[in-house]
Amino acid sequence: MESKYQIRLEKDEEKIAQLLTRDAWGYFSSLISNRELFHVKQIPMMPRQGELVLPTDEELVQYYLDYASAYTEELALLGWEAERACCAANGFALKLESISGQIRGRDRKVAEKLAG
């Protein structure tokens, strides 16, 4: 059985996860190598009712971490204040970092090398 991360999200964090999931489909399906196309099958369904189920794939998790804060402009068009969007993105990323052990903006191998 494949392992997955189950993450409980607040309403605003869920919106961030929904935007990430929407864009992950385009990002990973546009790649052409077999290894990268494998990720298309790994992209989770849209988070609903405050829950995201994410495969424990390092590249996919890193995508979610690295792009979590990329939606402030889009959310501003929906009437969100910048602080609300930043708090939602940060809250989501903190939960994902905590459960995965991965770090925003940094490849896991680089982080391990720096740690020791």
C-alpha atoms as a PDB file:
ATOM      1  CA  MET A   1       0.000   0.000   0.000  1.00  0.00           C
ATOM      2  CA  GLU A   2       1.296   3.413  -0.941  1.00  0.00           C
ATOM      3  CA  SER A   3       1.947   5.820   1.920  1.00  0.00           C
ATOM      4  CA  LYS A   4       0.265   9.212   1.966  1.00  0.00           C
ATOM      5  CA  TYR A   5       0.189  12.326   4.101  1.00  0.00           C
ATOM      6  CA  GLN A   6      -3.216  13.313   5.443  1.00  0.00           C
ATOM      7  CA  ILE A   7      -3.350  16.977   6.351  1.00  0.00           C
ATOM      8  CA  ARG A   8      -6.213  18.784   8.117  1.00  0.00           C
ATOM      9  CA  LEU A   9      -6.582  22.293   6.755  1.00  0.00           C
ATOM     10  CA  GLU A  10      -8.300  25.468   7.844  1.00  0.00           C
ATOM     11  CA  LYS A  11     -10.676  26.964   5.272  1.00  0.00           C
ATOM     12  CA  ASP A  12      -8.127  29.477   3.911  1.00  0.00           C
ATOM     13  CA  GLU A  13      -5.361  26.850   3.831  1.00  0.00           C
ATOM     14  CA  GLU A  14      -7.695  24.591   1.864  1.00  0.00           C
ATOM     15  CA  LYS A  15      -8.050  27.298  -0.789  1.00  0.00           C
ATOM     16  CA  ILE A  16      -4.232  27.418  -1.118  1.00  0.00           C
ATOM     17  CA  ALA A  17      -4.131  23.611  -1.451  1.00  0.00           C
ATOM     18  CA  GLN A  18      -6.875  23.736  -4.098  1.00  0.00           C
ATOM     19  CA  LEU A  19      -4.943  26.272  -6.176  1.00  0.00           C
ATOM     20  CA  LEU A  20      -1.742  24.232  -5.832  1.00  0.00           C
ATOM     21  CA  THR A  21      -3.535  21.055  -6.890  1.00  0.00           C
ATOM     22  CA  ARG A  22      -5.093  22.777  -9.896  1.00  0.00           C
ATOM     23  CA  ASP A  23      -1.715  24.054 -11.060  1.00  0.00           C
ATOM     24  CA  ALA A  24       0.159  20.828 -10.246  1.00  0.00           C
ATOM     25  CA  TRP A  25      -1.857  19.069 -12.947  1.00  0.00           C
ATOM     26  CA  GLY A  26      -0.599  21.520 -15.561  1.00  0.00           C
ATOM     27  CA  TYR A  27       2.962  21.624 -14.239  1.00  0.00           C
ATOM     28  CA  PHE A  28       3.566  17.883 -14.038  1.00  0.00           C
ATOM     29  CA  SER A  29       1.580  16.928 -17.148  1.00  0.00           C
ATOM     30  CA  SER A  30       3.666  19.339 -19.256  1.00  0.00           C
ATOM     31  CA  LEU A  31       6.903  17.481 -18.419  1.00  0.00           C
ATOM     32  CA  ILE A  32       8.025  14.864 -20.881  1.00  0.00           C
ATOM     33  CA  SER A  33      10.222  12.242 -19.210  1.00  0.00           C
ATOM     34  CA  ASN A  34       8.721   9.001 -17.929  1.00  0.00           C
ATOM     35  CA  ARG A  35       9.855   9.723 -14.352  1.00  0.00           C
ATOM     36  CA  GLU A  36       8.212  13.129 -14.416  1.00  0.00           C
ATOM     37  CA  LEU A  37       5.022  11.870 -16.074  1.00  0.00           C
ATOM     38  CA  PHE A  38       4.745   9.392 -13.207  1.00  0.00           C
ATOM     39  CA  HIS A  39       3.850  12.377 -11.012  1.00  0.00           C
ATOM     40  CA  VAL A  40       0.665  13.032 -12.964  1.00  0.00           C
ATOM     41  CA  LYS A  41      -0.738   9.837 -11.445  1.00  0.00           C
ATOM     42  CA  GLN A  42       0.409  11.011  -7.994  1.00  0.00           C
ATOM     43  CA  ILE A  43      -1.303  14.410  -7.969  1.00  0.00           C
ATOM     44  CA  PRO A  44      -4.040  14.304  -5.339  1.00  0.00           C
ATOM     45  CA  MET A  45      -7.706  14.982  -5.825  1.00  0.00           C
ATOM     46  CA  MET A  46      -8.929  18.438  -4.855  1.00  0.00           C
ATOM     47  CA  PRO A  47      -8.912  18.894  -1.087  1.00  0.00           C
ATOM     48  CA  ARG A  48     -12.418  18.925   0.312  1.00  0.00           C
ATOM     49  CA  GLN A  49     -13.908  19.492   3.743  1.00  0.00           C
ATOM     50  CA  GLY A  50     -10.561  20.553   5.170  1.00  0.00           C
ATOM     51  CA  GLU A  51      -8.562  17.465   4.235  1.00  0.00           C
ATOM     52  CA  LEU A  52      -5.739  16.983   1.743  1.00  0.00           C
ATOM     53  CA  VAL A  53      -4.339  13.531   1.013  1.00  0.00           C
ATOM     54  CA  LEU A  54      -0.928  13.895  -0.599  1.00  0.00           C
ATOM     55  CA  PRO A  55       1.421  11.100  -1.738  1.00  0.00           C
ATOM     56  CA  THR A  56       4.751  10.959   0.074  1.00  0.00           C
ATOM     57  CA  ASP A  57       6.604  11.761  -3.161  1.00  0.00           C
ATOM     58  CA  GLU A  58       9.444  14.207  -2.405  1.00  0.00           C
ATOM     59  CA  GLU A  59       9.216  16.104  -5.708  1.00  0.00           C
ATOM     60  CA  LEU A  60       5.471  16.593  -5.451  1.00  0.00           C
ATOM     61  CA  VAL A  61       5.677  17.678  -1.804  1.00  0.00           C
ATOM     62  CA  GLN A  62       8.478  20.098  -2.701  1.00  0.00           C
ATOM     63  CA  TYR A  63       6.300  21.572  -5.464  1.00  0.00           C
ATOM     64  CA  TYR A  64       3.515  22.216  -2.928  1.00  0.00           C
ATOM     65  CA  LEU A  65       5.962  23.774  -0.469  1.00  0.00           C
ATOM     66  CA  ASP A  66       7.761  25.961  -2.989  1.00  0.00           C
ATOM     67  CA  TYR A  67       4.638  27.355  -4.647  1.00  0.00           C
ATOM     68  CA  ALA A  68       2.323  27.705  -1.630  1.00  0.00           C
ATOM     69  CA  SER A  69       2.902  31.459  -1.437  1.00  0.00           C
ATOM     70  CA  ALA A  70       2.505  32.102  -5.174  1.00  0.00           C
ATOM     71  CA  TYR A  71      -1.195  32.941  -5.084  1.00  0.00           C
ATOM     72  CA  THR A  72      -1.391  36.333  -3.383  1.00  0.00           C
ATOM     73  CA  GLU A  73      -2.235  38.185  -6.615  1.00  0.00           C
ATOM     74  CA  GLU A  74      -4.877  35.661  -7.688  1.00  0.00           C
ATOM     75  CA  LEU A  75      -6.450  35.714  -4.237  1.00  0.00           C
ATOM     76  CA  ALA A  76      -6.368  39.537  -4.224  1.00  0.00           C
ATOM     77  CA  LEU A  77      -8.609  39.401  -7.309  1.00  0.00           C
ATOM     78  CA  LEU A  78     -11.020  37.342  -5.212  1.00  0.00           C
ATOM     79  CA  GLY A  79     -11.031  40.015  -2.508  1.00  0.00           C
ATOM     80  CA  TRP A  80      -8.458  38.572  -0.118  1.00  0.00           C
ATOM     81  CA  GLU A  81      -6.105  40.933   1.689  1.00  0.00           C
ATOM     82  CA  ALA A  82      -2.404  40.168   1.224  1.00  0.00           C
ATOM     83  CA  GLU A  83      -1.959  39.296   4.912  1.00  0.00           C
ATOM     84  CA  ARG A  84      -4.782  36.751   4.791  1.00  0.00           C
ATOM     85  CA  ALA A  85      -3.253  35.055   1.735  1.00  0.00           C
ATOM     86  CA  CYS A  86       0.212  35.027   3.319  1.00  0.00           C
ATOM     87  CA  CYS A  87      -1.127  33.553   6.570  1.00  0.00           C
ATOM     88  CA  ALA A  88      -3.020  30.841   4.690  1.00  0.00           C
ATOM     89  CA  ALA A  89       0.008  29.929   2.552  1.00  0.00           C
ATOM     90  CA  ASN A  90       2.315  29.919   5.561  1.00  0.00           C
ATOM     91  CA  GLY A  91      -0.090  27.831   7.647  1.00  0.00           C
ATOM     92  CA  PHE A  92      -0.424  25.275   4.864  1.00  0.00           C
ATOM     93  CA  ALA A  93       3.348  25.118   4.280  1.00  0.00           C
ATOM     94  CA  LEU A  94       4.085  24.770   8.011  1.00  0.00           C
ATOM     95  CA  LYS A  95       1.735  21.792   8.271  1.00  0.00           C
ATOM     96  CA  LEU A  96       3.281  20.172   5.206  1.00  0.00           C
ATOM     97  CA  GLU A  97       6.827  20.826   6.465  1.00  0.00           C
ATOM     98  CA  SER A  98       5.917  19.347   9.836  1.00  0.00           C
ATOM     99  CA  ILE A  99       4.430  16.159   8.430  1.00  0.00           C
ATOM    100  CA  SER A 100       6.944  15.635   5.590  1.00  0.00           C
ATOM    101  CA  GLY A 101      10.210  16.874   7.096  1.00  0.00           C
ATOM    102  CA  GLN A 102      10.892  18.809   3.890  1.00  0.00           C
ATOM    103  CA  ILE A 103      11.668  22.540   3.802  1.00  0.00           C
ATOM    104  CA  ARG A 104      10.300  25.353   1.640  1.00  0.00           C
ATOM    105  CA  GLY A 105      12.577  26.677  -1.061  1.00  0.00           C
ATOM    106  CA  ARG A 106      15.217  24.053  -0.564  1.00  0.00           C
ATOM    107  CA  ASP A 107      15.840  20.659  -2.078  1.00  0.00           C
ATOM    108  CA  ARG A 108      15.835  17.940   0.581  1.00  0.00           C
ATOM    109  CA  LYS A 109      19.313  16.714  -0.420  1.00  0.00           C
ATOM    110  CA  VAL A 110      20.710  20.230   0.020  1.00  0.00           C
ATOM    111  CA  ALA A 111      19.018  20.518   3.425  1.00  0.00           C
ATOM    112  CA  GLU A 112      20.475  17.188   4.560  1.00  0.00           C
ATOM    113  CA  LYS A 113      23.938  18.226   3.351  1.00  0.00           C
ATOM    114  CA  LEU A 114      23.711  21.495   5.311  1.00  0.00           C
ATOM    115  CA  ALA A 115      22.516  19.645   8.421  1.00  0.00           C
ATOM    116  CA  GLY A 116      25.425  17.460   8.533  1.00  0.00           C
END
